[in-house]
C-alpha atoms as a PDB file:
ATOM      1  CA  MET A   1     -54.128  -8.842   0.534  1.00  0.00           C
ATOM      2  CA  ASN A   2     -55.501  -5.723   2.179  1.00  0.00           C
ATOM      3  CA  ILE A   3     -53.317  -3.917   4.721  1.00  0.00           C
ATOM      4  CA  SER A   4     -55.401  -5.167   7.691  1.00  0.00           C
ATOM      5  CA  ASN A   5     -54.880  -8.668   6.694  1.00  0.00           C
ATOM      6  CA  TRP A   6     -51.074  -8.218   6.175  1.00  0.00           C
ATOM      7  CA  ILE A   7     -50.742  -6.570   9.653  1.00  0.00           C
ATOM      8  CA  LYS A   8     -52.537  -9.429  11.147  1.00  0.00           C
ATOM      9  CA  SER A   9     -50.384 -11.828   9.305  1.00  0.00           C
ATOM     10  CA  ALA A  10     -47.259  -9.909  10.426  1.00  0.00           C
ATOM     11  CA  VAL A  11     -48.339  -9.956  14.096  1.00  0.00           C
ATOM     12  CA  LEU A  12     -49.109 -13.626  13.937  1.00  0.00           C
ATOM     13  CA  GLY A  13     -45.736 -14.330  12.301  1.00  0.00           C
ATOM     14  CA  LEU A  14     -43.777 -12.344  14.921  1.00  0.00           C
ATOM     15  CA  PHE A  15     -45.712 -14.019  17.752  1.00  0.00           C
ATOM     16  CA  ILE A  16     -44.693 -17.576  16.397  1.00  0.00           C
ATOM     17  CA  ALA A  17     -41.259 -16.202  15.760  1.00  0.00           C
ATOM     18  CA  LEU A  18     -40.821 -15.100  19.333  1.00  0.00           C
ATOM     19  CA  THR A  19     -42.400 -17.974  20.957  1.00  0.00           C
ATOM     20  CA  SER A  20     -40.462 -20.698  19.193  1.00  0.00           C
ATOM     21  CA  MET A  21     -37.309 -18.900  20.542  1.00  0.00           C
ATOM     22  CA  ALA A  22     -38.552 -19.255  23.977  1.00  0.00           C
ATOM     23  CA  GLN A  23     -36.563 -21.800  25.947  1.00  0.00           C
ATOM     24  CA  ALA A  24     -37.413 -23.446  29.254  1.00  0.00           C
ATOM     25  CA  ALA A  25     -34.841 -23.126  32.116  1.00  0.00           C
ATOM     26  CA  PRO A  26     -32.585 -26.009  32.290  1.00  0.00           C
ATOM     27  CA  VAL A  27     -34.073 -27.059  35.532  1.00  0.00           C
ATOM     28  CA  THR A  28     -36.866 -25.880  37.557  1.00  0.00           C
ATOM     29  CA  VAL A  29     -37.370 -26.081  41.087  1.00  0.00           C
ATOM     30  CA  ASP A  30     -40.610 -25.358  42.846  1.00  0.00           C
ATOM     31  CA  TYR A  31     -42.165 -26.466  46.097  1.00  0.00           C
ATOM     32  CA  THR A  32     -45.670 -26.532  47.981  1.00  0.00           C
ATOM     33  CA  THR A  33     -45.903 -25.757  51.554  1.00  0.00           C
ATOM     34  CA  THR A  34     -48.494 -27.521  53.819  1.00  0.00           C
ATOM     35  CA  GLY A  35     -48.828 -26.994  57.630  1.00  0.00           C
ATOM     36  CA  ASN A  36     -49.065 -24.097  60.026  1.00  0.00           C
ATOM     37  CA  THR A  37     -46.908 -21.839  62.101  1.00  0.00           C
ATOM     38  CA  GLY A  38     -43.802 -23.749  63.244  1.00  0.00           C
ATOM     39  CA  ASN A  39     -44.927 -27.096  61.680  1.00  0.00           C
ATOM     40  CA  TRP A  40     -44.335 -26.757  57.874  1.00  0.00           C
ATOM     41  CA  THR A  41     -43.629 -29.485  55.242  1.00  0.00           C
ATOM     42  CA  LEU A  42     -42.050 -28.240  52.055  1.00  0.00           C
ATOM     43  CA  ASP A  43     -42.450 -30.697  49.143  1.00  0.00           C
ATOM     44  CA  PHE A  44     -39.949 -29.975  46.177  1.00  0.00           C
ATOM     45  CA  SER A  45     -40.472 -30.844  42.630  1.00  0.00           C
ATOM     46  CA  VAL A  46     -37.405 -30.780  40.194  1.00  0.00           C
ATOM     47  CA  ALA A  47     -38.024 -30.596  36.593  1.00  0.00           C
ATOM     48  CA  ASN A  48     -35.077 -31.877  34.226  1.00  0.00           C
ATOM     49  CA  ASN A  49     -34.999 -29.404  31.001  1.00  0.00           C
ATOM     50  CA  ILE A  50     -31.380 -29.614  30.608  1.00  0.00           C
ATOM     51  CA  VAL A  51     -31.017 -31.613  27.393  1.00  0.00           C
ATOM     52  CA  ALA A  52     -31.726 -34.997  26.260  1.00  0.00           C
ATOM     53  CA  GLY A  53     -29.148 -37.695  27.770  1.00  0.00           C
ATOM     54  CA  GLN A  54     -28.651 -35.508  30.945  1.00  0.00           C
ATOM     55  CA  ARG A  55     -30.004 -37.094  34.159  1.00  0.00           C
ATOM     56  CA  ILE A  56     -30.140 -35.360  37.624  1.00  0.00           C
ATOM     57  CA  TYR A  57     -28.845 -37.356  40.272  1.00  0.00           C
ATOM     58  CA  PHE A  58     -27.851 -35.073  43.236  1.00  0.00           C
ATOM     59  CA  PHE A  59     -30.204 -32.291  44.678  1.00  0.00           C
ATOM     60  CA  GLY A  60     -30.067 -30.251  47.851  1.00  0.00           C
ATOM     61  CA  VAL A  61     -31.789 -27.280  49.497  1.00  0.00           C
ATOM     62  CA  ASP A  62     -30.641 -24.639  52.047  1.00  0.00           C
ATOM     63  CA  LEU A  63     -33.098 -24.475  55.032  1.00  0.00           C
ATOM     64  CA  SER A  64     -32.948 -23.283  58.579  1.00  0.00           C
ATOM     65  CA  ARG A  65     -32.132 -26.866  59.634  1.00  0.00           C
ATOM     66  CA  ARG A  66     -31.808 -30.666  58.297  1.00  0.00           C
ATOM     67  CA  ASP A  67     -35.101 -32.516  58.738  1.00  0.00           C
ATOM     68  CA  ILE A  68     -35.890 -34.625  55.735  1.00  0.00           C
ATOM     69  CA  VAL A  69     -38.996 -36.373  56.075  1.00  0.00           C
ATOM     70  CA  GLY A  70     -39.746 -37.672  52.310  1.00  0.00           C
ATOM     71  CA  SER A  71     -37.682 -39.031  49.309  1.00  0.00           C
ATOM     72  CA  PRO A  72     -38.265 -40.257  45.999  1.00  0.00           C
ATOM     73  CA  VAL A  73     -37.532 -43.678  45.137  1.00  0.00           C
ATOM     74  CA  ALA A  74     -33.763 -44.446  44.958  1.00  0.00           C
ATOM     75  CA  PHE A  75     -32.597 -41.023  46.195  1.00  0.00           C
ATOM     76  CA  ASN A  76     -30.844 -41.274  49.451  1.00  0.00           C
ATOM     77  CA  PRO A  77     -31.193 -38.558  51.935  1.00  0.00           C
ATOM     78  CA  ASN A  78     -28.216 -39.770  54.258  1.00  0.00           C
ATOM     79  CA  SER A  79     -25.067 -39.690  52.078  1.00  0.00           C
ATOM     80  CA  TRP A  80     -24.259 -36.040  52.713  1.00  0.00           C
ATOM     81  CA  SER A  81     -25.701 -34.234  55.615  1.00  0.00           C
ATOM     82  CA  THR A  82     -24.365 -31.107  54.378  1.00  0.00           C
ATOM     83  CA  TRP A  83     -22.799 -29.885  51.227  1.00  0.00           C
ATOM     84  CA  ASN A  84     -21.473 -26.803  49.549  1.00  0.00           C
ATOM     85  CA  ASN A  85     -20.315 -26.157  45.816  1.00  0.00           C
ATOM     86  CA  CYS A  86     -17.258 -24.245  46.866  1.00  0.00           C
ATOM     87  CA  GLY A  87     -14.750 -26.952  45.233  1.00  0.00           C
ATOM     88  CA  TYR A  88     -16.910 -27.005  42.137  1.00  0.00           C
ATOM     89  CA  GLY A  89     -17.134 -23.133  41.092  1.00  0.00           C
ATOM     90  CA  GLY A  90     -20.028 -22.559  43.454  1.00  0.00           C
ATOM     91  CA  SER A  91     -20.546 -20.726  46.594  1.00  0.00           C
ATOM     92  CA  CYS A  92     -18.319 -21.255  49.583  1.00  0.00           C
ATOM     93  CA  THR A  93     -20.578 -19.771  51.900  1.00  0.00           C
ATOM     94  CA  THR A  94     -24.103 -21.698  51.100  1.00  0.00           C
ATOM     95  CA  ILE A  95     -24.252 -24.890  52.944  1.00  0.00           C
ATOM     96  CA  TYR A  96     -26.884 -26.993  51.818  1.00  0.00           C
ATOM     97  CA  ASN A  97     -28.308 -29.142  54.682  1.00  0.00           C
ATOM     98  CA  ASN A  98     -30.891 -31.286  53.217  1.00  0.00           C
ATOM     99  CA  ASN A  99     -29.534 -33.392  50.153  1.00  0.00           C
ATOM    100  CA  TRP A 100     -30.593 -36.237  48.070  1.00  0.00           C
ATOM    101  CA  ILE A 101     -28.203 -38.274  45.897  1.00  0.00           C
ATOM    102  CA  GLY A 102     -28.394 -41.587  43.772  1.00  0.00           C
ATOM    103  CA  GLY A 103     -31.662 -41.491  41.897  1.00  0.00           C
ATOM    104  CA  SER A 104     -32.398 -40.332  38.450  1.00  0.00           C
ATOM    105  CA  ILE A 105     -34.406 -37.669  36.940  1.00  0.00           C
ATOM    106  CA  ALA A 106     -34.389 -38.042  33.082  1.00  0.00           C
ATOM    107  CA  PHE A 107     -34.775 -35.205  30.638  1.00  0.00           C
ATOM    108  CA  GLY A 108     -38.347 -33.862  30.388  1.00  0.00           C
ATOM    109  CA  GLN A 109     -39.320 -35.517  33.638  1.00  0.00           C
ATOM    110  CA  THR A 110     -40.542 -34.056  36.809  1.00  0.00           C
ATOM    111  CA  LEU A 111     -40.218 -35.557  40.171  1.00  0.00           C
ATOM    112  CA  SER A 112     -41.469 -34.490  43.485  1.00  0.00           C
ATOM    113  CA  GLY A 113     -41.380 -35.948  46.976  1.00  0.00           C
ATOM    114  CA  PHE A 114     -38.218 -34.286  48.097  1.00  0.00           C
ATOM    115  CA  LYS A 115     -39.985 -33.252  51.521  1.00  0.00           C
ATOM    116  CA  VAL A 116     -38.459 -31.383  54.328  1.00  0.00           C
ATOM    117  CA  HIS A 117     -40.131 -30.649  57.771  1.00  0.00           C
ATOM    118  CA  VAL A 118     -39.430 -26.931  58.778  1.00  0.00           C
ATOM    119  CA  THR A 119     -40.331 -25.416  62.372  1.00  0.00           C
ATOM    120  CA  ASP A 120     -40.029 -21.664  61.541  1.00  0.00           C
ATOM    121  CA  LEU A 121     -42.649 -19.383  62.464  1.00  0.00           C
ATOM    122  CA  VAL A 122     -43.133 -18.350  58.779  1.00  0.00           C
ATOM    123  CA  ALA A 123     -42.836 -20.779  55.980  1.00  0.00           C
ATOM    124  CA  PRO A 124     -39.986 -19.727  53.537  1.00  0.00           C
ATOM    125  CA  ASN A 125     -41.208 -18.128  50.121  1.00  0.00           C
ATOM    126  CA  SER A 126     -38.142 -18.908  48.397  1.00  0.00           C
ATOM    127  CA  VAL A 127     -35.338 -21.545  49.082  1.00  0.00           C
ATOM    128  CA  GLN A 128     -31.633 -21.890  47.673  1.00  0.00           C
ATOM    129  CA  TYR A 129     -31.149 -25.148  45.699  1.00  0.00           C
ATOM    130  CA  PHE A 130     -28.379 -26.873  43.989  1.00  0.00           C
ATOM    131  CA  MET A 131     -28.193 -29.978  41.690  1.00  0.00           C
ATOM    132  CA  TYR A 132     -25.893 -32.069  39.538  1.00  0.00           C
ATOM    133  CA  ALA A 133     -26.641 -34.195  36.515  1.00  0.00           C
ATOM    134  CA  TYR A 134     -24.752 -36.828  34.325  1.00  0.00           C
ATOM    135  CA  SER A 135     -24.687 -37.703  30.742  1.00  0.00           C
ATOM    136  CA  GLY A 136     -22.644 -41.002  30.980  1.00  0.00           C
ATOM    137  CA  PRO A 137     -24.002 -44.424  31.011  1.00  0.00           C
ATOM    138  CA  SER A 138     -24.506 -44.336  34.690  1.00  0.00           C
ATOM    139  CA  TYR A 139     -23.940 -42.586  38.130  1.00  0.00           C
ATOM    140  CA  SER A 140     -21.304 -44.358  39.617  1.00  0.00           C
ATOM    141  CA  GLY A 141     -20.691 -42.874  43.357  1.00  0.00           C
ATOM    142  CA  PRO A 142     -19.498 -39.739  44.763  1.00  0.00           C
ATOM    143  CA  ASP A 143     -16.693 -39.062  42.480  1.00  0.00           C
ATOM    144  CA  CYS A 144     -18.792 -39.976  39.585  1.00  0.00           C
ATOM    145  CA  ASN A 145     -16.151 -41.463  37.395  1.00  0.00           C
ATOM    146  CA  ASN A 146     -18.451 -42.928  34.860  1.00  0.00           C
ATOM    147  CA  CYS A 147     -20.764 -39.848  34.599  1.00  0.00           C
ATOM    148  CA  GLY A 148     -19.408 -38.386  31.474  1.00  0.00           C
ATOM    149  CA  THR A 149     -20.181 -34.529  31.621  1.00  0.00           C
ATOM    150  CA  ASN A 150     -21.115 -33.507  35.070  1.00  0.00           C
ATOM    151  CA  PRO A 151     -23.057 -29.964  34.860  1.00  0.00           C
ATOM    152  CA  GLY A 152     -24.276 -28.348  38.017  1.00  0.00           C
ATOM    153  CA  PHE A 153     -26.972 -25.843  38.765  1.00  0.00           C
ATOM    154  CA  SER A 154     -27.895 -23.589  41.528  1.00  0.00           C
ATOM    155  CA  GLY A 155     -30.670 -21.022  42.150  1.00  0.00           C
ATOM    156  CA  VAL A 156     -33.645 -19.901  43.959  1.00  0.00           C
ATOM    157  CA  SER A 157     -36.740 -21.691  44.087  1.00  0.00           C
ATOM    158  CA  GLY A 158     -40.190 -20.416  45.021  1.00  0.00           C
ATOM    159  CA  THR A 159     -43.143 -21.746  46.382  1.00  0.00           C
ATOM    160  CA  THR A 160     -46.070 -22.791  44.053  1.00  0.00           C
ATOM    161  CA  GLY A 161     -48.505 -22.205  46.646  1.00  0.00           C
ATOM    162  CA  GLN A 162     -49.668 -22.987  50.211  1.00  0.00           C
ATOM    163  CA  VAL A 163     -52.367 -25.374  51.017  1.00  0.00           C
ATOM    164  CA  PRO A 164     -54.923 -23.310  52.907  1.00  0.00           C
ATOM    165  CA  GLU A 165     -55.640 -24.118  56.264  1.00  0.00           C
ATOM    166  CA  PRO A 166     -59.067 -25.411  57.277  1.00  0.00           C
ATOM    167  CA  SER A 167     -60.301 -21.926  58.790  1.00  0.00           C
ATOM    168  CA  SER A 168     -59.549 -20.322  55.265  1.00  0.00           C
ATOM    169  CA  LEU A 169     -61.549 -23.197  53.575  1.00  0.00           C
ATOM    170  CA  ALA A 170     -64.591 -22.411  55.716  1.00  0.00           C
ATOM    171  CA  LEU A 171     -64.202 -18.729  54.903  1.00  0.00           C
ATOM    172  CA  LEU A 172     -64.167 -19.494  51.143  1.00  0.00           C
ATOM    173  CA  GLY A 173     -67.149 -21.733  51.575  1.00  0.00           C
ATOM    174  CA  LEU A 174     -69.210 -19.124  53.420  1.00  0.00           C
ATOM    175  CA  GLY A 175     -68.241 -16.666  50.632  1.00  0.00           C
ATOM    176  CA  LEU A 176     -69.391 -19.013  47.929  1.00  0.00           C
ATOM    177  CA  LEU A 177     -72.673 -19.552  49.752  1.00  0.00           C
ATOM    178  CA  GLY A 178     -73.210 -16.123  49.996  1.00  0.00           C
ATOM    179  CA  LEU A 179     -72.621 -15.639  46.413  1.00  0.00           C
ATOM    180  CA  THR A 180     -75.019 -18.452  45.514  1.00  0.00           C
ATOM    181  CA  TYR A 181     -77.809 -16.802  47.826  1.00  0.00           C
ATOM    182  CA  ARG A 182     -77.475 -13.552  46.244  1.00  0.00           C
ATOM    183  CA  ARG A 183     -77.660 -14.902  42.774  1.00  0.00           C
ATOM    184  CA  LYS A 184     -80.945 -16.551  43.612  1.00  0.00           C
ATOM    185  CA  GLN A 185     -82.125 -13.474  44.870  1.00  0.00           C
ATOM    186  CA  ALA A 186     -81.472 -11.623  41.553  1.00  0.00           C
END
């Protein structure tokens, strides 16, 4: 084996070793934004990467006001209008005002449809969230006596993109037409 092939093999081996050590975050929260100034809808998507056997049952976000307009099947948006994690080792100052509980997001599953209407002039580009999971046989109510372990997570989610407004689409279409015309002229 010559030096060049040895270096290529070493680089490939290092790449494989480093990428195999990479792990996904235990949970991932993203959202898409639709609407326009003062009339936004945020659709949150929650991915469970915790460990096999852990199911997410409680999720909430902190926004300027409470206005849930959509919920995935089995997630109840009316059990807690506000929630904080002060008694569970979390922040005592963050009050989550859009909360869903009672459903189940299995390991490896991503669930969207956690929708909130926001009337802010500018759509948020990040939102604080929390969630709790269980590993027992079932979720059994607010105190979760039958939950087994009950890990909690909190963080800041980012937007995955904003749906363009119709005027932006028209501008994009005009640009594409211009490029097509110019290409035909060349």
